[in-house]
Amino acid sequence: MMKSIRHLLALASVAALAALAALAANPAGAQTPATTGSATPLRLVVGFPPGGALDTLARALADQLRLAGMGTVIVENRPGASTRISIDSVKRSQPDGRTVLLSSNAPMVIFPMTYRRLDYDVDRDFIAVAQLAEVPTVISAGADRPYKTLREYVSWVRANPSQGSIGLTSLGGTLHFAILGMGRTVGVTLRPVAYKGGAPLVTDLVGGHVPLATDAVASHLELYRAGKIRFLAVSGTHRNPALPDVPTVREEGIDAFDHANASYSAFVPAGTPPEVVQRLERAFVAAMQKSQMKVLLSRVGLEATGLPGATVTRTLHAEREFWRPLVQASGFRNED
């Protein structure tokens, strides 16, 4: 079974990369740029190893920026310390607009509430450039579990409260606190169980070793398509366009996952000149709003957005206010 799951995950990664390579090779309506931009490469810094959803997005974005005349654009992977290594490297870089952090929202929203000490201050050290994509999450169950919907799961876990564990890939993120919120709503203590990555999580999910799991749609999509797992619900306030038959968690009577979608955004170091930020914003928003980007990213479970930096800043502030009472009530602290 492990070989089968690994094979499906590998196929998903290969398919995503192949699709995005095709985007770079033949973007609809692309023109050869008249300008090559700065002689200094534009670095897109990602806090994850190659092959993941954000890395895949970064490479597609880099191709579009090159075609738009931004010069040489490279993706630099700096994984480690829950992406804090990448964040610190960009914070310390020259504020000239040639080093851009691509990050999920958790380090900018949740980490300041859960880490006793951080080497960065989001508002002081960074300027938001643009939102790139939404990352919908899904609640999944093994195909042979006795519940086929989230409502049926709630009835089952109320009858079996000792089996209220839910797998996820890390503690201290929005999914962690969404699980706790769902537990309060249904009146059962639900226990987040962290796995060391998506592969062991889905292995246990398919094998029936964990009753339920929650992760990015992209991580479970191929197993869902293969009939190995069921999608009980998606997070957020609207259905995923790629999964129109899967209800939202809210539709199933639980609002704890309304804010559980992750998002990917671009940031530059504080001190970057406003005109440089504006130029980057225009380029990033235009790249993400291309129809072929939207189509191809939807195939790997991402929703391309392309929103301005001011929207990112407002969203981060609103998300902190939403999550703060839930985080404080949990008493959770990250110690690594």
C-alpha atoms as a PDB file:
ATOM      1  CA  MET A   1       0.000   0.000   0.000  1.00  0.00           C
ATOM      2  CA  MET A   2       2.842   2.394   0.828  1.00  0.00           C
ATOM      3  CA  LYS A   3       4.291   1.882  -2.691  1.00  0.00           C
ATOM      4  CA  SER A   4       0.898   2.612  -4.240  1.00  0.00           C
ATOM      5  CA  ILE A   5       0.473   5.831  -2.280  1.00  0.00           C
ATOM      6  CA  ARG A   6       4.002   6.976  -3.044  1.00  0.00           C
ATOM      7  CA  HIS A   7       3.376   6.244  -6.721  1.00  0.00           C
ATOM      8  CA  LEU A   8       0.231   8.366  -6.743  1.00  0.00           C
ATOM      9  CA  LEU A   9       1.951  11.235  -4.957  1.00  0.00           C
ATOM     10  CA  ALA A  10       4.843  11.076  -7.390  1.00  0.00           C
ATOM     11  CA  LEU A  11       2.456  11.138 -10.332  1.00  0.00           C
ATOM     12  CA  ALA A  12       0.725  14.207  -8.866  1.00  0.00           C
ATOM     13  CA  SER A  13       4.023  16.057  -8.513  1.00  0.00           C
ATOM     14  CA  VAL A  14       5.181  15.111 -12.020  1.00  0.00           C
ATOM     15  CA  ALA A  15       1.852  16.128 -13.535  1.00  0.00           C
ATOM     16  CA  ALA A  16       1.907  19.490 -11.787  1.00  0.00           C
ATOM     17  CA  LEU A  17       5.446  20.265 -12.851  1.00  0.00           C
ATOM     18  CA  ALA A  18       4.780  19.144 -16.426  1.00  0.00           C
ATOM     19  CA  ALA A  19       1.723  21.352 -16.669  1.00  0.00           C
ATOM     20  CA  LEU A  20       3.564  24.350 -15.354  1.00  0.00           C
ATOM     21  CA  ALA A  21       6.495  23.688 -17.670  1.00  0.00           C
ATOM     22  CA  ALA A  22       4.024  23.775 -20.547  1.00  0.00           C
ATOM     23  CA  LEU A  23       2.819  27.148 -19.304  1.00  0.00           C
ATOM     24  CA  ALA A  24       6.335  28.504 -19.500  1.00  0.00           C
ATOM     25  CA  ALA A  25       6.913  27.063 -22.957  1.00  0.00           C
ATOM     26  CA  ASN A  26       3.750  28.406 -24.556  1.00  0.00           C
ATOM     27  CA  PRO A  27       2.013  31.149 -22.563  1.00  0.00           C
ATOM     28  CA  ALA A  28      -1.020  32.419 -24.403  1.00  0.00           C
ATOM     29  CA  GLY A  29      -0.398  35.800 -25.972  1.00  0.00           C
ATOM     30  CA  ALA A  30       3.131  36.160 -24.566  1.00  0.00           C
ATOM     31  CA  GLN A  31       5.439  38.667 -26.214  1.00  0.00           C
ATOM     32  CA  THR A  32       9.208  38.746 -26.205  1.00  0.00           C
ATOM     33  CA  PRO A  33      10.115  41.487 -23.719  1.00  0.00           C
ATOM     34  CA  ALA A  34      11.793  44.587 -25.068  1.00  0.00           C
ATOM     35  CA  THR A  35      13.650  45.098 -21.834  1.00  0.00           C
ATOM     36  CA  THR A  36      15.673  42.651 -19.811  1.00  0.00           C
ATOM     37  CA  GLY A  37      15.211  44.452 -16.496  1.00  0.00           C
ATOM     38  CA  SER A  38      17.963  44.701 -13.888  1.00  0.00           C
ATOM     39  CA  ALA A  39      21.313  42.977 -14.297  1.00  0.00           C
ATOM     40  CA  THR A  40      20.874  41.658 -10.745  1.00  0.00           C
ATOM     41  CA  PRO A  41      18.741  38.495 -10.709  1.00  0.00           C
ATOM     42  CA  LEU A  42      15.340  38.718  -9.075  1.00  0.00           C
ATOM     43  CA  ARG A  43      15.330  36.042  -6.360  1.00  0.00           C
ATOM     44  CA  LEU A  44      12.078  34.443  -5.218  1.00  0.00           C
ATOM     45  CA  VAL A  45      12.882  32.909  -1.833  1.00  0.00           C
ATOM     46  CA  VAL A  46      10.791  29.908  -0.738  1.00  0.00           C
ATOM     47  CA  GLY A  47      11.013  28.306   2.709  1.00  0.00           C
ATOM     48  CA  PHE A  48      10.268  24.776   1.458  1.00  0.00           C
ATOM     49  CA  PRO A  49      12.217  22.157  -0.516  1.00  0.00           C
ATOM     50  CA  PRO A  50      11.660  21.824  -4.276  1.00  0.00           C
ATOM     51  CA  GLY A  51       8.537  20.004  -5.415  1.00  0.00           C
ATOM     52  CA  GLY A  52       5.912  21.350  -3.029  1.00  0.00           C
ATOM     53  CA  ALA A  53       2.920  23.541  -3.852  1.00  0.00           C
ATOM     54  CA  LEU A  54       4.617  26.872  -3.088  1.00  0.00           C
ATOM     55  CA  ASP A  55       7.780  25.865  -4.959  1.00  0.00           C
ATOM     56  CA  THR A  56       5.679  24.849  -7.967  1.00  0.00           C
ATOM     57  CA  LEU A  57       3.859  28.186  -7.850  1.00  0.00           C
ATOM     58  CA  ALA A  58       7.156  30.066  -7.513  1.00  0.00           C
ATOM     59  CA  ARG A  59       8.618  28.451 -10.636  1.00  0.00           C
ATOM     60  CA  ALA A  60       5.533  29.219 -12.713  1.00  0.00           C
ATOM     61  CA  LEU A  61       5.595  32.797 -11.444  1.00  0.00           C
ATOM     62  CA  ALA A  62       9.301  33.110 -12.252  1.00  0.00           C
ATOM     63  CA  ASP A  63       8.629  32.091 -15.853  1.00  0.00           C
ATOM     64  CA  GLN A  64       5.883  34.681 -16.206  1.00  0.00           C
ATOM     65  CA  LEU A  65       8.029  37.434 -14.708  1.00  0.00           C
ATOM     66  CA  ARG A  66      10.857  36.674 -17.134  1.00  0.00           C
ATOM     67  CA  LEU A  67       8.438  36.938 -20.039  1.00  0.00           C
ATOM     68  CA  ALA A  68       7.169  40.249 -18.646  1.00  0.00           C
ATOM     69  CA  GLY A  69      10.659  41.752 -18.860  1.00  0.00           C
ATOM     70  CA  MET A  70      11.765  41.402 -15.229  1.00  0.00           C
ATOM     71  CA  GLY A  71      15.165  40.065 -16.271  1.00  0.00           C
ATOM     72  CA  THR A  72      16.691  36.938 -14.756  1.00  0.00           C
ATOM     73  CA  VAL A  73      14.384  35.413 -12.148  1.00  0.00           C
ATOM     74  CA  ILE A  74      15.495  32.507  -9.970  1.00  0.00           C
ATOM     75  CA  VAL A  75      13.752  30.469  -7.281  1.00  0.00           C
ATOM     76  CA  GLU A  76      15.867  30.007  -4.181  1.00  0.00           C
ATOM     77  CA  ASN A  77      14.795  27.234  -1.779  1.00  0.00           C
ATOM     78  CA  ARG A  78      15.813  27.875   1.826  1.00  0.00           C
ATOM     79  CA  PRO A  79      13.902  25.287   3.892  1.00  0.00           C
ATOM     80  CA  GLY A  80      14.187  24.810   7.628  1.00  0.00           C
ATOM     81  CA  ALA A  81      12.916  26.047  11.007  1.00  0.00           C
ATOM     82  CA  SER A  82       9.302  26.105   9.803  1.00  0.00           C
ATOM     83  CA  THR A  83      10.262  28.600   7.036  1.00  0.00           C
ATOM     84  CA  ARG A  84      11.896  31.024   9.487  1.00  0.00           C
ATOM     85  CA  ILE A  85      15.293  30.577   7.793  1.00  0.00           C
ATOM     86  CA  SER A  86      13.879  31.928   4.536  1.00  0.00           C
ATOM     87  CA  ILE A  87      12.124  34.777   6.315  1.00  0.00           C
ATOM     88  CA  ASP A  88      15.285  35.837   8.127  1.00  0.00           C
ATOM     89  CA  SER A  89      17.360  35.698   4.940  1.00  0.00           C
ATOM     90  CA  VAL A  90      14.973  38.071   3.139  1.00  0.00           C
ATOM     91  CA  LYS A  91      14.718  40.370   6.136  1.00  0.00           C
ATOM     92  CA  ARG A  92      18.523  40.810   6.054  1.00  0.00           C
ATOM     93  CA  SER A  93      18.751  41.261   2.270  1.00  0.00           C
ATOM     94  CA  GLN A  94      19.253  44.543   0.453  1.00  0.00           C
ATOM     95  CA  PRO A  95      15.935  46.443   0.181  1.00  0.00           C
ATOM     96  CA  ASP A  96      16.352  46.938  -3.557  1.00  0.00           C
ATOM     97  CA  GLY A  97      13.417  44.885  -4.804  1.00  0.00           C
ATOM     98  CA  ARG A  98      15.585  42.055  -6.115  1.00  0.00           C
ATOM     99  CA  THR A  99      14.906  39.665  -3.206  1.00  0.00           C
ATOM    100  CA  VAL A 100      11.281  38.657  -2.616  1.00  0.00           C
ATOM    101  CA  LEU A 101       9.917  36.303   0.030  1.00  0.00           C
ATOM    102  CA  LEU A 102       7.103  33.976  -1.005  1.00  0.00           C
ATOM    103  CA  SER A 103       5.381  32.812   2.155  1.00  0.00           C
ATOM    104  CA  SER A 104       2.213  31.249   3.448  1.00  0.00           C
ATOM    105  CA  ASN A 105       0.170  33.291   5.888  1.00  0.00           C
ATOM    106  CA  ALA A 106       0.918  31.214   9.021  1.00  0.00           C
ATOM    107  CA  PRO A 107       4.369  32.744   9.724  1.00  0.00           C
ATOM    108  CA  MET A 108       2.822  36.199   9.398  1.00  0.00           C
ATOM    109  CA  VAL A 109      -0.355  35.527  11.378  1.00  0.00           C
ATOM    110  CA  ILE A 110       0.034  32.605  13.790  1.00  0.00           C
ATOM    111  CA  PHE A 111       3.780  32.453  14.554  1.00  0.00           C
ATOM    112  CA  PRO A 112       3.848  35.815  16.393  1.00  0.00           C
ATOM    113  CA  MET A 113       1.244  34.382  18.771  1.00  0.00           C
ATOM    114  CA  THR A 114       2.798  30.962  19.347  1.00  0.00           C
ATOM    115  CA  TYR A 115       6.585  31.450  19.341  1.00  0.00           C
ATOM    116  CA  ARG A 116       8.086  32.891  22.511  1.00  0.00           C
ATOM    117  CA  ARG A 117      10.756  34.567  20.397  1.00  0.00           C
ATOM    118  CA  LEU A 118      10.912  35.433  16.704  1.00  0.00           C
ATOM    119  CA  ASP A 119      13.742  37.148  14.863  1.00  0.00           C
ATOM    120  CA  TYR A 120      11.342  39.189  12.785  1.00  0.00           C
ATOM    121  CA  ASP A 121       8.405  41.531  13.186  1.00  0.00           C
ATOM    122  CA  VAL A 122       5.975  41.257  10.303  1.00  0.00           C
ATOM    123  CA  ASP A 123       4.826  44.877  10.302  1.00  0.00           C
ATOM    124  CA  ARG A 124       8.248  46.385  10.999  1.00  0.00           C
ATOM    125  CA  ASP A 125      10.477  44.226   8.795  1.00  0.00           C
ATOM    126  CA  PHE A 126       8.392  43.552   5.651  1.00  0.00           C
ATOM    127  CA  ILE A 127       6.248  45.200   3.020  1.00  0.00           C
ATOM    128  CA  ALA A 128       3.495  43.153   1.391  1.00  0.00           C
ATOM    129  CA  VAL A 129       3.741  43.136  -2.419  1.00  0.00           C
ATOM    130  CA  ALA A 130       0.843  40.951  -3.559  1.00  0.00           C
ATOM    131  CA  GLN A 131      -1.285  37.956  -2.717  1.00  0.00           C
ATOM    132  CA  LEU A 132      -0.550  35.167  -5.169  1.00  0.00           C
ATOM    133  CA  ALA A 133      -2.934  32.303  -4.396  1.00  0.00           C
ATOM    134  CA  GLU A 134      -5.381  30.811  -1.959  1.00  0.00           C
ATOM    135  CA  VAL A 135      -4.597  27.328  -0.670  1.00  0.00           C
ATOM    136  CA  PRO A 136      -7.877  25.565   0.134  1.00  0.00           C
ATOM    137  CA  THR A 137      -7.746  22.763   2.663  1.00  0.00           C
ATOM    138  CA  VAL A 138      -9.839  19.650   2.884  1.00  0.00           C
ATOM    139  CA  ILE A 139     -11.088  17.274   5.547  1.00  0.00           C
ATOM    140  CA  SER A 140     -10.505  13.716   4.352  1.00  0.00           C
ATOM    141  CA  ALA A 141     -11.333  10.187   5.461  1.00  0.00           C
ATOM    142  CA  GLY A 142     -10.332   6.751   4.246  1.00  0.00           C
ATOM    143  CA  ALA A 143     -12.674   5.323   1.631  1.00  0.00           C
ATOM    144  CA  ASP A 144     -13.669   2.438   3.885  1.00  0.00           C
ATOM    145  CA  ARG A 145     -14.617   4.502   6.938  1.00  0.00           C
ATOM    146  CA  PRO A 146     -18.244   4.199   8.101  1.00  0.00           C
ATOM    147  CA  TYR A 147     -18.986   7.911   7.556  1.00  0.00           C
ATOM    148  CA  LYS A 148     -19.385   9.427   4.100  1.00  0.00           C
ATOM    149  CA  THR A 149     -20.110  13.027   5.120  1.00  0.00           C
ATOM    150  CA  LEU A 150     -18.872  15.385   7.817  1.00  0.00           C
ATOM    151  CA  ARG A 151     -22.263  15.253   9.527  1.00  0.00           C
ATOM    152  CA  GLU A 152     -22.004  11.458   9.674  1.00  0.00           C
ATOM    153  CA  TYR A 153     -18.470  11.793  11.098  1.00  0.00           C
ATOM    154  CA  VAL A 154     -19.764  14.099  13.848  1.00  0.00           C
ATOM    155  CA  SER A 155     -22.402  11.523  14.832  1.00  0.00           C
ATOM    156  CA  TRP A 156     -19.727   8.793  14.768  1.00  0.00           C
ATOM    157  CA  VAL A 157     -17.187  10.688  16.881  1.00  0.00           C
ATOM    158  CA  ARG A 158     -19.835  11.637  19.428  1.00  0.00           C
ATOM    159  CA  ALA A 159     -20.525   7.924  19.805  1.00  0.00           C
ATOM    160  CA  ASN A 160     -16.759   7.174  19.850  1.00  0.00           C
ATOM    161  CA  PRO A 161     -15.173  10.173  21.625  1.00  0.00           C
ATOM    162  CA  SER A 162     -11.965   8.267  22.410  1.00  0.00           C
ATOM    163  CA  GLN A 163     -11.262   8.143  18.649  1.00  0.00           C
ATOM    164  CA  GLY A 164     -11.318  11.892  18.105  1.00  0.00           C
ATOM    165  CA  SER A 165      -7.801  12.188  16.674  1.00  0.00           C
ATOM    166  CA  ILE A 166      -7.333  14.157  13.452  1.00  0.00           C
ATOM    167  CA  GLY A 167      -4.094  13.999  11.482  1.00  0.00           C
ATOM    168  CA  LEU A 168      -2.319  17.058  10.087  1.00  0.00           C
ATOM    169  CA  THR A 169       1.217  17.891   9.005  1.00  0.00           C
ATOM    170  CA  SER A 170       2.191  20.356  11.745  1.00  0.00           C
ATOM    171  CA  LEU A 171       1.019  21.849  14.991  1.00  0.00           C
ATOM    172  CA  GLY A 172       0.667  25.560  15.581  1.00  0.00           C
ATOM    173  CA  GLY A 173      -0.962  26.506  12.267  1.00  0.00           C
ATOM    174  CA  THR A 174      -4.486  27.501  11.376  1.00  0.00           C
ATOM    175  CA  LEU A 175      -5.606  23.887  10.880  1.00  0.00           C
ATOM    176  CA  HIS A 176      -4.507  23.040  14.423  1.00  0.00           C
ATOM    177  CA  PHE A 177      -6.739  25.737  15.890  1.00  0.00           C
ATOM    178  CA  ALA A 178      -9.558  25.026  13.439  1.00  0.00           C
ATOM    179  CA  ILE A 179      -9.638  21.430  14.739  1.00  0.00           C
ATOM    180  CA  LEU A 180      -9.867  22.694  18.321  1.00  0.00           C
ATOM    181  CA  GLY A 181     -12.672  25.040  17.296  1.00  0.00           C
ATOM    182  CA  MET A 182     -14.548  22.219  15.574  1.00  0.00           C
ATOM    183  CA  GLY A 183     -14.249  20.132  18.737  1.00  0.00           C
ATOM    184  CA  ARG A 184     -15.867  22.865  20.780  1.00  0.00           C
ATOM    185  CA  THR A 185     -18.681  23.166  18.242  1.00  0.00           C
ATOM    186  CA  VAL A 186     -19.504  19.442  18.198  1.00  0.00           C
ATOM    187  CA  GLY A 187     -18.921  18.935  21.930  1.00  0.00           C
ATOM    188  CA  VAL A 188     -16.109  16.381  21.582  1.00  0.00           C
ATOM    189  CA  THR A 189     -12.417  16.797  22.401  1.00  0.00           C
ATOM    190  CA  LEU A 190     -10.716  16.510  19.015  1.00  0.00           C
ATOM    191  CA  ARG A 191      -6.957  15.899  19.194  1.00  0.00           C
ATOM    192  CA  PRO A 192      -4.653  17.249  16.471  1.00  0.00           C
ATOM    193  CA  VAL A 193      -1.975  14.638  15.693  1.00  0.00           C
ATOM    194  CA  ALA A 194       1.063  15.937  13.796  1.00  0.00           C
ATOM    195  CA  TYR A 195       2.763  13.843  11.103  1.00  0.00           C
ATOM    196  CA  LYS A 196       6.192  14.411   9.599  1.00  0.00           C
ATOM    197  CA  GLY A 197       4.875  15.303   6.167  1.00  0.00           C
ATOM    198  CA  GLY A 198       1.953  14.612   3.882  1.00  0.00           C
ATOM    199  CA  ALA A 199       3.060  11.130   2.741  1.00  0.00           C
ATOM    200  CA  PRO A 200       2.960   9.421   6.160  1.00  0.00           C
ATOM    201  CA  LEU A 201      -0.283  11.233   6.917  1.00  0.00           C
ATOM    202  CA  VAL A 202      -2.108   9.911   3.864  1.00  0.00           C
ATOM    203  CA  THR A 203      -0.593   6.457   4.398  1.00  0.00           C
ATOM    204  CA  ASP A 204      -2.209   6.267   7.822  1.00  0.00           C
ATOM    205  CA  LEU A 205      -5.424   7.785   6.487  1.00  0.00           C
ATOM    206  CA  VAL A 206      -5.770   5.194   3.732  1.00  0.00           C
ATOM    207  CA  GLY A 207      -4.745   2.430   6.127  1.00  0.00           C
ATOM    208  CA  GLY A 208      -7.404   3.418   8.647  1.00  0.00           C
ATOM    209  CA  HIS A 209      -4.903   4.305  11.381  1.00  0.00           C
ATOM    210  CA  VAL A 210      -6.262   7.832  11.773  1.00  0.00           C
ATOM    211  CA  PRO A 211     -10.018   8.475  11.511  1.00  0.00           C
ATOM    212  CA  LEU A 212      -9.770  11.867   9.826  1.00  0.00           C
ATOM    213  CA  ALA A 213      -7.149  14.182   8.335  1.00  0.00           C
ATOM    214  CA  THR A 214      -6.935  17.763   7.178  1.00  0.00           C
ATOM    215  CA  ASP A 215      -4.388  19.170   4.753  1.00  0.00           C
ATOM    216  CA  ALA A 216      -4.068  21.226   1.574  1.00  0.00           C
ATOM    217  CA  VAL A 217      -6.311  19.966  -1.228  1.00  0.00           C
ATOM    218  CA  ALA A 218      -3.246  19.487  -3.425  1.00  0.00           C
ATOM    219  CA  SER A 219      -1.759  16.947  -1.010  1.00  0.00           C
ATOM    220  CA  HIS A 220      -4.789  14.637  -1.189  1.00  0.00           C
ATOM    221  CA  LEU A 221      -6.120  15.249  -4.679  1.00  0.00           C
ATOM    222  CA  GLU A 222      -4.652  12.251  -6.515  1.00  0.00           C
ATOM    223  CA  LEU A 223      -5.696   9.805  -3.789  1.00  0.00           C
ATOM    224  CA  TYR A 224      -9.188  11.283  -3.910  1.00  0.00           C
ATOM    225  CA  ARG A 225      -9.298  10.883  -7.684  1.00  0.00           C
ATOM    226  CA  ALA A 226      -8.070   7.298  -7.303  1.00  0.00           C
ATOM    227  CA  GLY A 227     -10.889   6.501  -4.865  1.00  0.00           C
ATOM    228  CA  LYS A 228      -8.537   5.802  -1.953  1.00  0.00           C
ATOM    229  CA  ILE A 229      -9.973   8.560   0.245  1.00  0.00           C
ATOM    230  CA  ARG A 230     -13.134  10.629   0.521  1.00  0.00           C
ATOM    231  CA  PHE A 231     -13.329  14.406   0.766  1.00  0.00           C
ATOM    232  CA  LEU A 232     -15.891  15.192   3.453  1.00  0.00           C
ATOM    233  CA  ALA A 233     -15.629  18.976   3.243  1.00  0.00           C
ATOM    234  CA  VAL A 234     -13.444  21.881   2.150  1.00  0.00           C
ATOM    235  CA  SER A 235     -12.461  24.896   4.223  1.00  0.00           C
ATOM    236  CA  GLY A 236     -13.350  28.511   3.499  1.00  0.00           C
ATOM    237  CA  THR A 237     -16.651  30.166   2.766  1.00  0.00           C
ATOM    238  CA  HIS A 238     -17.206  28.921  -0.778  1.00  0.00           C
ATOM    239  CA  ARG A 239     -16.826  25.621  -2.588  1.00  0.00           C
ATOM    240  CA  ASN A 240     -13.604  24.883  -4.411  1.00  0.00           C
ATOM    241  CA  PRO A 241     -14.154  25.355  -8.174  1.00  0.00           C
ATOM    242  CA  ALA A 242     -12.193  22.163  -8.819  1.00  0.00           C
ATOM    243  CA  LEU A 243     -14.410  20.229  -6.354  1.00  0.00           C
ATOM    244  CA  PRO A 244     -17.931  21.569  -6.900  1.00  0.00           C
ATOM    245  CA  ASP A 245     -19.577  18.506  -5.335  1.00  0.00           C
ATOM    246  CA  VAL A 246     -17.693  18.773  -2.033  1.00  0.00           C
ATOM    247  CA  PRO A 247     -19.483  20.971   0.531  1.00  0.00           C
ATOM    248  CA  THR A 248     -17.763  23.499   2.740  1.00  0.00           C
ATOM    249  CA  VAL A 249     -17.343  22.751   6.430  1.00  0.00           C
ATOM    250  CA  ARG A 250     -19.778  25.600   7.089  1.00  0.00           C
ATOM    251  CA  GLU A 251     -22.419  23.910   4.920  1.00  0.00           C
ATOM    252  CA  GLU A 252     -22.063  20.903   7.219  1.00  0.00           C
ATOM    253  CA  GLY A 253     -22.923  23.094  10.209  1.00  0.00           C
ATOM    254  CA  ILE A 254     -19.446  24.006  11.522  1.00  0.00           C
ATOM    255  CA  ASP A 255     -17.864  27.443  11.090  1.00  0.00           C
ATOM    256  CA  ALA A 256     -14.453  26.642  12.617  1.00  0.00           C
ATOM    257  CA  PHE A 257     -12.829  26.207   9.175  1.00  0.00           C
ATOM    258  CA  ASP A 258     -14.072  29.472   7.636  1.00  0.00           C
ATOM    259  CA  HIS A 259     -10.600  30.992   8.072  1.00  0.00           C
ATOM    260  CA  ALA A 260      -8.582  27.804   7.623  1.00  0.00           C
ATOM    261  CA  ASN A 261      -7.550  28.407   4.022  1.00  0.00           C
ATOM    262  CA  ALA A 262      -3.889  29.253   3.707  1.00  0.00           C
ATOM    263  CA  SER A 263      -2.689  31.857   1.247  1.00  0.00           C
ATOM    264  CA  TYR A 264       0.609  32.537  -0.484  1.00  0.00           C
ATOM    265  CA  SER A 265       1.857  36.107  -0.714  1.00  0.00           C
ATOM    266  CA  ALA A 266       4.976  38.021  -1.726  1.00  0.00           C
ATOM    267  CA  PHE A 267       6.929  40.309   0.609  1.00  0.00           C
ATOM    268  CA  VAL A 268      10.027  42.501   0.348  1.00  0.00           C
ATOM    269  CA  PRO A 269      12.251  43.872   3.134  1.00  0.00           C
ATOM    270  CA  ALA A 270      11.270  47.114   4.834  1.00  0.00           C
ATOM    271  CA  GLY A 271      13.023  50.070   3.259  1.00  0.00           C
ATOM    272  CA  THR A 272      12.345  48.975  -0.315  1.00  0.00           C
ATOM    273  CA  PRO A 273      11.493  52.171  -2.268  1.00  0.00           C
ATOM    274  CA  PRO A 274       7.741  52.638  -2.878  1.00  0.00           C
ATOM    275  CA  GLU A 275       8.159  52.898  -6.653  1.00  0.00           C
ATOM    276  CA  VAL A 276      10.007  49.559  -6.660  1.00  0.00           C
ATOM    277  CA  VAL A 277       7.275  47.921  -4.576  1.00  0.00           C
ATOM    278  CA  GLN A 278       4.647  49.263  -6.952  1.00  0.00           C
ATOM    279  CA  ARG A 279       6.491  47.918  -9.991  1.00  0.00           C
ATOM    280  CA  LEU A 280       6.749  44.478  -8.386  1.00  0.00           C
ATOM    281  CA  GLU A 281       3.099  44.590  -7.360  1.00  0.00           C
ATOM    282  CA  ARG A 282       1.952  45.337 -10.902  1.00  0.00           C
ATOM    283  CA  ALA A 283       4.074  42.523 -12.325  1.00  0.00           C
ATOM    284  CA  PHE A 284       3.055  39.927  -9.726  1.00  0.00           C
ATOM    285  CA  VAL A 285      -0.659  40.747  -9.898  1.00  0.00           C
ATOM    286  CA  ALA A 286      -0.631  40.627 -13.701  1.00  0.00           C
ATOM    287  CA  ALA A 287       1.165  37.266 -13.714  1.00  0.00           C
ATOM    288  CA  MET A 288      -1.264  35.648 -11.289  1.00  0.00           C
ATOM    289  CA  GLN A 289      -4.338  36.963 -13.083  1.00  0.00           C
ATOM    290  CA  LYS A 290      -3.451  35.301 -16.381  1.00  0.00           C
ATOM    291  CA  SER A 291      -6.146  32.796 -17.306  1.00  0.00           C
ATOM    292  CA  GLN A 292      -3.665  30.008 -18.022  1.00  0.00           C
ATOM    293  CA  MET A 293      -2.117  30.420 -14.565  1.00  0.00           C
ATOM    294  CA  LYS A 294      -5.545  30.129 -12.983  1.00  0.00           C
ATOM    295  CA  VAL A 295      -6.383  26.986 -14.950  1.00  0.00           C
ATOM    296  CA  LEU A 296      -3.088  25.229 -14.357  1.00  0.00           C
ATOM    297  CA  LEU A 297      -2.869  26.053 -10.657  1.00  0.00           C
ATOM    298  CA  SER A 298      -6.425  24.853 -10.121  1.00  0.00           C
ATOM    299  CA  ARG A 299      -5.272  21.428 -11.342  1.00  0.00           C
ATOM    300  CA  VAL A 300      -2.924  21.201  -8.357  1.00  0.00           C
ATOM    301  CA  GLY A 301      -5.453  22.518  -5.836  1.00  0.00           C
ATOM    302  CA  LEU A 302      -4.460  26.201  -5.774  1.00  0.00           C
ATOM    303  CA  GLU A 303      -6.653  29.213  -6.562  1.00  0.00           C
ATOM    304  CA  ALA A 304      -4.629  31.943  -8.282  1.00  0.00           C
ATOM    305  CA  THR A 305      -5.695  35.364  -7.016  1.00  0.00           C
ATOM    306  CA  GLY A 306      -3.327  38.242  -7.788  1.00  0.00           C
ATOM    307  CA  LEU A 307      -4.354  40.887  -5.247  1.00  0.00           C
ATOM    308  CA  PRO A 308      -2.477  44.057  -4.294  1.00  0.00           C
ATOM    309  CA  GLY A 309      -0.213  44.414  -1.268  1.00  0.00           C
ATOM    310  CA  ALA A 310      -2.673  46.637   0.596  1.00  0.00           C
ATOM    311  CA  THR A 311      -5.189  43.783   0.522  1.00  0.00           C
ATOM    312  CA  VAL A 312      -2.557  41.415   1.967  1.00  0.00           C
ATOM    313  CA  THR A 313      -1.835  43.822   4.830  1.00  0.00           C
ATOM    314  CA  ARG A 314      -5.514  44.256   5.680  1.00  0.00           C
ATOM    315  CA  THR A 315      -6.086  40.506   5.525  1.00  0.00           C
ATOM    316  CA  LEU A 316      -3.145  39.722   7.813  1.00  0.00           C
ATOM    317  CA  HIS A 317      -4.393  42.173  10.425  1.00  0.00           C
ATOM    318  CA  ALA A 318      -7.949  40.785  10.239  1.00  0.00           C
ATOM    319  CA  GLU A 319      -6.706  37.200  10.484  1.00  0.00           C
ATOM    320  CA  ARG A 320      -4.634  37.976  13.575  1.00  0.00           C
ATOM    321  CA  GLU A 321      -7.683  39.427  15.276  1.00  0.00           C
ATOM    322  CA  PHE A 322      -9.750  36.361  14.365  1.00  0.00           C
ATOM    323  CA  TRP A 323      -7.212  33.770  15.536  1.00  0.00           C
ATOM    324  CA  ARG A 324      -5.831  35.540  18.632  1.00  0.00           C
ATOM    325  CA  PRO A 325      -8.576  34.486  21.094  1.00  0.00           C
ATOM    326  CA  LEU A 326      -8.514  30.900  19.809  1.00  0.00           C
ATOM    327  CA  VAL A 327      -4.736  30.661  20.095  1.00  0.00           C
ATOM    328  CA  GLN A 328      -4.716  32.207  23.548  1.00  0.00           C
ATOM    329  CA  ALA A 329      -7.480  29.906  24.755  1.00  0.00           C
ATOM    330  CA  SER A 330      -5.494  26.857  23.577  1.00  0.00           C
ATOM    331  CA  GLY A 331      -2.385  27.773  25.570  1.00  0.00           C
ATOM    332  CA  PHE A 332      -0.279  26.339  22.730  1.00  0.00           C
ATOM    333  CA  ARG A 333       3.369  27.420  22.390  1.00  0.00           C
ATOM    334  CA  ASN A 334       5.993  26.506  19.802  1.00  0.00           C
ATOM    335  CA  GLU A 335       9.319  25.757  21.422  1.00  0.00           C
ATOM    336  CA  ASP A 336      11.608  24.776  18.519  1.00  0.00           C
END
